[in-house]
Structures are given as structure tokens and as C-alpha cells.
């Protein structure tokens, strides 16, 4: 099952995001290599600076999705004010369809 991780950065945390980004990219590359990551990218603020993330992963259930979300270096560093995890149905432009 697919899950969308909708992550909102804490206000004023751009520097923490940038400092943690290399480890975050390694983490996403690992998930991608294992076939878990479907797509991901940052949300942008009015100044086109990243201020959150959308990460879509494949997991057995919500418990596994939470475990994967909590293993992200951004989450470990305390970047996120909120992480909403929702089941996701990739209907349009899904390369697997």
C-alpha cells in the first residue's frame, strides 16, 4: 500500500533543513534502491525556499509507514512541526499502471 508523508517544517528551520539535507538524500536514495520510495520533493514557501516535504512510500501498513517516516534524518533532527501520514492511491501518471 502507498502512503503519503505530508511533512511541515517548524518555522525558522531552513538552516536545520539545509544542514541535514545530505543525510536526508542518502536516506531517500536508500529507500529508492529498495523500491520503497515512489516519489518525493519539498514544498516551497512564498520565497521558493523549502518548508516541508511530500514523500510517497510503499509500506505494508500504517505502522511500517510511521516507522519509515520516523527514520528520516529530517524527523530525527526535529525539523518537522507535523507529519501527516495518509494512505494514497496513485491514479494518474503512475508508471506501474
N, C-alpha and C. Protein backbone atom coordinates (compact mmCIF):
# COMPACT_ATOMS: atom_id res chain seq x y z
N UNK A 1 0.84 -1.17 0.00
CA UNK A 1 0.00 0.00 0.00
C UNK A 1 0.89 1.24 0.00
N UNK A 2 0.42 2.27 -0.68
CA UNK A 2 1.16 3.54 -0.71
C UNK A 2 0.68 4.45 0.41
N UNK A 3 1.63 5.23 0.93
CA UNK A 3 1.34 6.22 1.97
C UNK A 3 2.03 7.52 1.59
N UNK A 4 1.29 8.63 1.74
CA UNK A 4 1.86 9.96 1.56
C UNK A 4 2.26 10.50 2.92
N UNK A 5 3.52 10.90 3.03
CA UNK A 5 4.03 11.56 4.24
C UNK A 5 4.02 13.05 3.94
N UNK A 6 3.15 13.77 4.59
CA UNK A 6 3.00 15.21 4.37
C UNK A 6 3.64 15.89 5.57
N UNK A 7 4.83 16.44 5.35
CA UNK A 7 5.66 16.94 6.44
C UNK A 7 5.74 18.46 6.39
N UNK A 8 5.51 19.09 7.52
CA UNK A 8 5.58 20.54 7.64
C UNK A 8 6.75 20.91 8.54
N UNK A 9 7.64 21.75 8.02
CA UNK A 9 8.79 22.18 8.81
C UNK A 9 8.37 23.12 9.94
N UNK A 10 9.13 23.10 11.02
CA UNK A 10 8.95 24.09 12.08
C UNK A 10 9.33 25.46 11.52
N UNK A 11 8.66 26.52 11.94
CA UNK A 11 9.03 27.86 11.47
C UNK A 11 10.49 28.18 11.80
N UNK A 12 11.13 28.87 10.87
CA UNK A 12 12.50 29.31 11.09
C UNK A 12 13.53 28.20 11.08
N UNK A 13 13.23 27.09 10.40
CA UNK A 13 14.14 25.93 10.46
C UNK A 13 14.86 25.65 9.14
N UNK A 14 14.92 26.64 8.26
CA UNK A 14 15.57 26.42 6.96
C UNK A 14 17.02 25.96 7.13
N UNK A 15 17.76 26.56 8.05
CA UNK A 15 19.17 26.18 8.22
C UNK A 15 19.29 24.73 8.69
N UNK A 16 18.41 24.30 9.59
CA UNK A 16 18.42 22.90 10.03
C UNK A 16 18.14 21.98 8.85
N UNK A 17 17.20 22.36 8.01
CA UNK A 17 16.90 21.57 6.80
C UNK A 17 18.14 21.46 5.92
N UNK A 18 18.79 22.57 5.66
CA UNK A 18 19.94 22.57 4.76
C UNK A 18 21.10 21.78 5.37
N UNK A 19 21.30 21.90 6.68
CA UNK A 19 22.39 21.18 7.34
C UNK A 19 22.15 19.67 7.32
N UNK A 20 20.90 19.26 7.38
CA UNK A 20 20.55 17.84 7.46
C UNK A 20 20.30 17.22 6.09
N UNK A 21 20.21 18.05 5.07
CA UNK A 21 19.84 17.58 3.73
C UNK A 21 20.73 16.45 3.20
N UNK A 22 22.06 16.50 3.34
CA UNK A 22 22.86 15.39 2.80
C UNK A 22 22.46 14.02 3.36
N UNK A 23 22.22 13.95 4.66
CA UNK A 23 21.81 12.67 5.27
C UNK A 23 20.41 12.27 4.80
N UNK A 24 19.54 13.26 4.63
CA UNK A 24 18.17 13.02 4.14
C UNK A 24 18.22 12.43 2.73
N UNK A 25 19.07 12.98 1.88
CA UNK A 25 19.19 12.49 0.49
C UNK A 25 19.72 11.05 0.49
N UNK A 26 20.70 10.74 1.31
CA UNK A 26 21.21 9.37 1.42
C UNK A 26 20.08 8.44 1.84
N UNK A 27 19.29 8.86 2.81
CA UNK A 27 18.15 8.07 3.29
C UNK A 27 17.15 7.81 2.15
N UNK A 28 16.78 8.85 1.41
CA UNK A 28 15.84 8.68 0.31
C UNK A 28 16.42 7.81 -0.80
N UNK A 29 17.70 7.95 -1.08
CA UNK A 29 18.34 7.10 -2.08
C UNK A 29 18.30 5.63 -1.66
N UNK A 30 18.49 5.38 -0.37
CA UNK A 30 18.40 4.01 0.14
C UNK A 30 16.99 3.46 -0.03
N UNK A 31 15.98 4.25 0.35
CA UNK A 31 14.59 3.82 0.16
C UNK A 31 14.29 3.57 -1.31
N UNK A 32 14.82 4.42 -2.17
CA UNK A 32 14.61 4.26 -3.61
C UNK A 32 15.26 2.97 -4.11
N UNK A 33 16.48 2.71 -3.68
CA UNK A 33 17.18 1.49 -4.10
C UNK A 33 16.44 0.24 -3.66
N UNK A 34 15.73 0.32 -2.54
CA UNK A 34 14.99 -0.82 -2.01
C UNK A 34 13.56 -0.90 -2.57
N UNK A 35 13.20 0.03 -3.45
CA UNK A 35 11.88 0.02 -4.07
C UNK A 35 10.76 0.54 -3.18
N UNK A 36 11.12 1.19 -2.08
CA UNK A 36 10.13 1.71 -1.13
C UNK A 36 9.67 3.11 -1.51
N UNK A 37 10.59 3.95 -1.96
CA UNK A 37 10.27 5.33 -2.32
C UNK A 37 9.63 5.36 -3.70
N UNK A 38 8.49 6.03 -3.80
CA UNK A 38 7.82 6.19 -5.09
C UNK A 38 8.12 7.56 -5.69
N UNK A 39 7.99 8.61 -4.90
CA UNK A 39 8.43 9.95 -5.31
C UNK A 39 8.50 10.84 -4.09
N UNK A 40 9.23 11.95 -4.23
CA UNK A 40 9.41 12.85 -3.09
C UNK A 40 9.88 14.22 -3.58
N UNK A 41 9.65 15.20 -2.75
CA UNK A 41 10.14 16.54 -3.03
C UNK A 41 9.68 17.52 -1.96
N UNK A 42 10.29 18.71 -1.96
CA UNK A 42 9.95 19.70 -0.94
C UNK A 42 8.76 20.56 -1.34
N UNK A 43 8.02 21.00 -0.32
CA UNK A 43 7.07 22.10 -0.51
C UNK A 43 7.88 23.38 -0.46
N UNK A 44 7.39 24.43 -1.10
CA UNK A 44 8.11 25.71 -1.14
C UNK A 44 7.26 26.82 -0.53
N UNK A 45 7.94 27.77 0.11
CA UNK A 45 7.24 28.93 0.66
C UNK A 45 7.11 30.02 -0.41
N UNK A 46 6.63 31.18 -0.02
CA UNK A 46 6.42 32.28 -0.97
C UNK A 46 7.72 32.77 -1.60
N UNK A 47 8.85 32.49 -0.97
CA UNK A 47 10.16 32.88 -1.50
C UNK A 47 10.85 31.72 -2.21
N UNK A 48 10.10 30.67 -2.49
CA UNK A 48 10.59 29.47 -3.16
C UNK A 48 11.68 28.75 -2.36
N UNK A 49 11.62 28.86 -1.05
CA UNK A 49 12.51 28.14 -0.15
C UNK A 49 11.77 26.93 0.39
N UNK A 50 12.44 25.79 0.57
CA UNK A 50 11.75 24.61 1.08
C UNK A 50 11.25 24.82 2.50
N UNK A 51 10.02 24.34 2.74
CA UNK A 51 9.45 24.47 4.08
C UNK A 51 8.61 23.26 4.48
N UNK A 52 8.85 22.15 3.83
CA UNK A 52 8.15 20.91 4.12
C UNK A 52 8.48 19.88 3.06
N UNK A 53 7.90 18.71 3.19
CA UNK A 53 8.20 17.63 2.25
C UNK A 53 6.94 16.82 1.96
N UNK A 54 6.90 16.29 0.74
CA UNK A 54 5.93 15.28 0.36
C UNK A 54 6.74 14.06 -0.05
N UNK A 55 6.54 12.96 0.67
CA UNK A 55 7.26 11.72 0.39
C UNK A 55 6.21 10.62 0.27
N UNK A 56 6.21 9.93 -0.86
CA UNK A 56 5.27 8.82 -1.04
C UNK A 56 6.07 7.52 -1.04
N UNK A 57 5.66 6.63 -0.12
CA UNK A 57 6.37 5.37 0.08
C UNK A 57 5.41 4.20 -0.02
N UNK A 58 5.97 3.03 -0.23
CA UNK A 58 5.19 1.80 -0.17
C UNK A 58 5.52 1.11 1.14
N UNK A 59 4.47 0.73 1.87
CA UNK A 59 4.64 0.06 3.16
C UNK A 59 3.51 -0.95 3.35
N UNK A 60 3.76 -1.94 4.20
CA UNK A 60 2.75 -2.96 4.48
C UNK A 60 1.51 -2.37 5.13
N UNK A 61 1.73 -1.43 6.06
CA UNK A 61 0.62 -0.85 6.81
C UNK A 61 1.05 0.47 7.41
N UNK A 62 0.14 1.13 8.12
CA UNK A 62 0.43 2.44 8.70
C UNK A 62 1.54 2.37 9.74
N UNK A 63 1.65 1.27 10.44
CA UNK A 63 2.72 1.12 11.44
C UNK A 63 4.08 1.15 10.77
N UNK A 64 4.23 0.42 9.67
CA UNK A 64 5.50 0.44 8.94
C UNK A 64 5.76 1.81 8.33
N UNK A 65 4.72 2.46 7.83
CA UNK A 65 4.86 3.80 7.25
C UNK A 65 5.36 4.78 8.31
N UNK A 66 4.81 4.70 9.52
CA UNK A 66 5.27 5.57 10.62
C UNK A 66 6.73 5.29 10.96
N UNK A 67 7.10 4.02 10.98
CA UNK A 67 8.49 3.65 11.28
C UNK A 67 9.43 4.25 10.23
N UNK A 68 9.05 4.16 8.97
CA UNK A 68 9.87 4.73 7.90
C UNK A 68 9.93 6.25 8.02
N UNK A 69 8.79 6.89 8.32
CA UNK A 69 8.77 8.34 8.49
C UNK A 69 9.69 8.77 9.63
N UNK A 70 9.65 8.04 10.72
CA UNK A 70 10.47 8.39 11.89
C UNK A 70 11.95 8.14 11.68
N UNK A 71 12.32 7.33 10.67
CA UNK A 71 13.73 7.05 10.41
C UNK A 71 14.38 8.09 9.50
N UNK A 72 13.60 9.02 8.97
CA UNK A 72 14.14 10.08 8.11
C UNK A 72 15.03 10.99 8.95
N UNK A 73 16.23 11.30 8.47
CA UNK A 73 17.11 12.21 9.22
C UNK A 73 16.47 13.56 9.54
N UNK A 74 15.58 14.05 8.69
CA UNK A 74 14.88 15.29 9.00
C UNK A 74 14.02 15.11 10.26
N UNK A 75 13.32 13.99 10.36
CA UNK A 75 12.50 13.72 11.54
C UNK A 75 13.38 13.56 12.78
N UNK A 76 14.47 12.84 12.64
CA UNK A 76 15.39 12.62 13.77
C UNK A 76 15.99 13.93 14.26
N UNK A 77 16.26 14.86 13.33
CA UNK A 77 16.84 16.15 13.69
C UNK A 77 15.81 17.10 14.30
N UNK A 78 14.53 16.73 14.26
CA UNK A 78 13.49 17.59 14.82
C UNK A 78 13.04 18.69 13.89
N UNK A 79 13.21 18.52 12.59
CA UNK A 79 12.84 19.54 11.61
C UNK A 79 11.34 19.75 11.52
N UNK A 80 10.57 18.69 11.64
CA UNK A 80 9.15 18.78 11.34
C UNK A 80 8.31 19.20 12.53
N UNK A 81 7.39 20.13 12.27
CA UNK A 81 6.37 20.51 13.24
C UNK A 81 5.25 19.48 13.23
N UNK A 82 5.03 18.88 12.05
CA UNK A 82 3.93 17.94 11.90
C UNK A 82 4.23 16.99 10.75
N UNK A 83 3.84 15.73 10.92
CA UNK A 83 3.91 14.73 9.84
C UNK A 83 2.56 14.04 9.79
N UNK A 84 1.86 14.24 8.69
CA UNK A 84 0.56 13.60 8.47
C UNK A 84 0.81 12.43 7.53
N UNK A 85 0.39 11.24 7.92
CA UNK A 85 0.60 10.04 7.10
C UNK A 85 -0.78 9.57 6.64
N UNK A 86 -0.95 9.52 5.31
CA UNK A 86 -2.24 9.15 4.74
C UNK A 86 -2.08 8.06 3.69
N UNK A 87 -2.98 7.07 3.68
CA UNK A 87 -2.99 6.12 2.57
C UNK A 87 -3.20 6.88 1.26
N UNK A 88 -2.52 6.43 0.21
CA UNK A 88 -2.51 7.18 -1.05
C UNK A 88 -2.78 6.23 -2.21
N UNK A 89 -3.65 6.66 -3.12
CA UNK A 89 -3.94 5.90 -4.33
C UNK A 89 -3.40 6.69 -5.52
N UNK A 90 -2.29 6.25 -6.06
CA UNK A 90 -1.65 6.93 -7.19
C UNK A 90 -2.39 6.53 -8.46
N UNK A 91 -3.30 7.38 -8.90
CA UNK A 91 -4.20 7.07 -10.01
C UNK A 91 -3.64 7.51 -11.36
N UNK A 92 -3.23 8.76 -11.47
CA UNK A 92 -2.79 9.30 -12.75
C UNK A 92 -1.27 9.32 -12.84
N UNK A 93 -0.76 9.01 -14.02
CA UNK A 93 0.67 9.03 -14.33
C UNK A 93 1.51 8.10 -13.46
N UNK A 94 0.89 7.06 -12.95
CA UNK A 94 1.63 6.05 -12.19
C UNK A 94 2.34 5.15 -13.20
N UNK A 95 3.67 5.12 -13.17
CA UNK A 95 4.40 4.32 -14.17
C UNK A 95 4.15 2.82 -14.06
N UNK A 96 3.58 2.37 -12.93
CA UNK A 96 3.31 0.95 -12.77
C UNK A 96 1.98 0.54 -13.40
N UNK A 97 1.18 1.51 -13.84
CA UNK A 97 -0.13 1.19 -14.47
C UNK A 97 0.00 1.11 -15.97
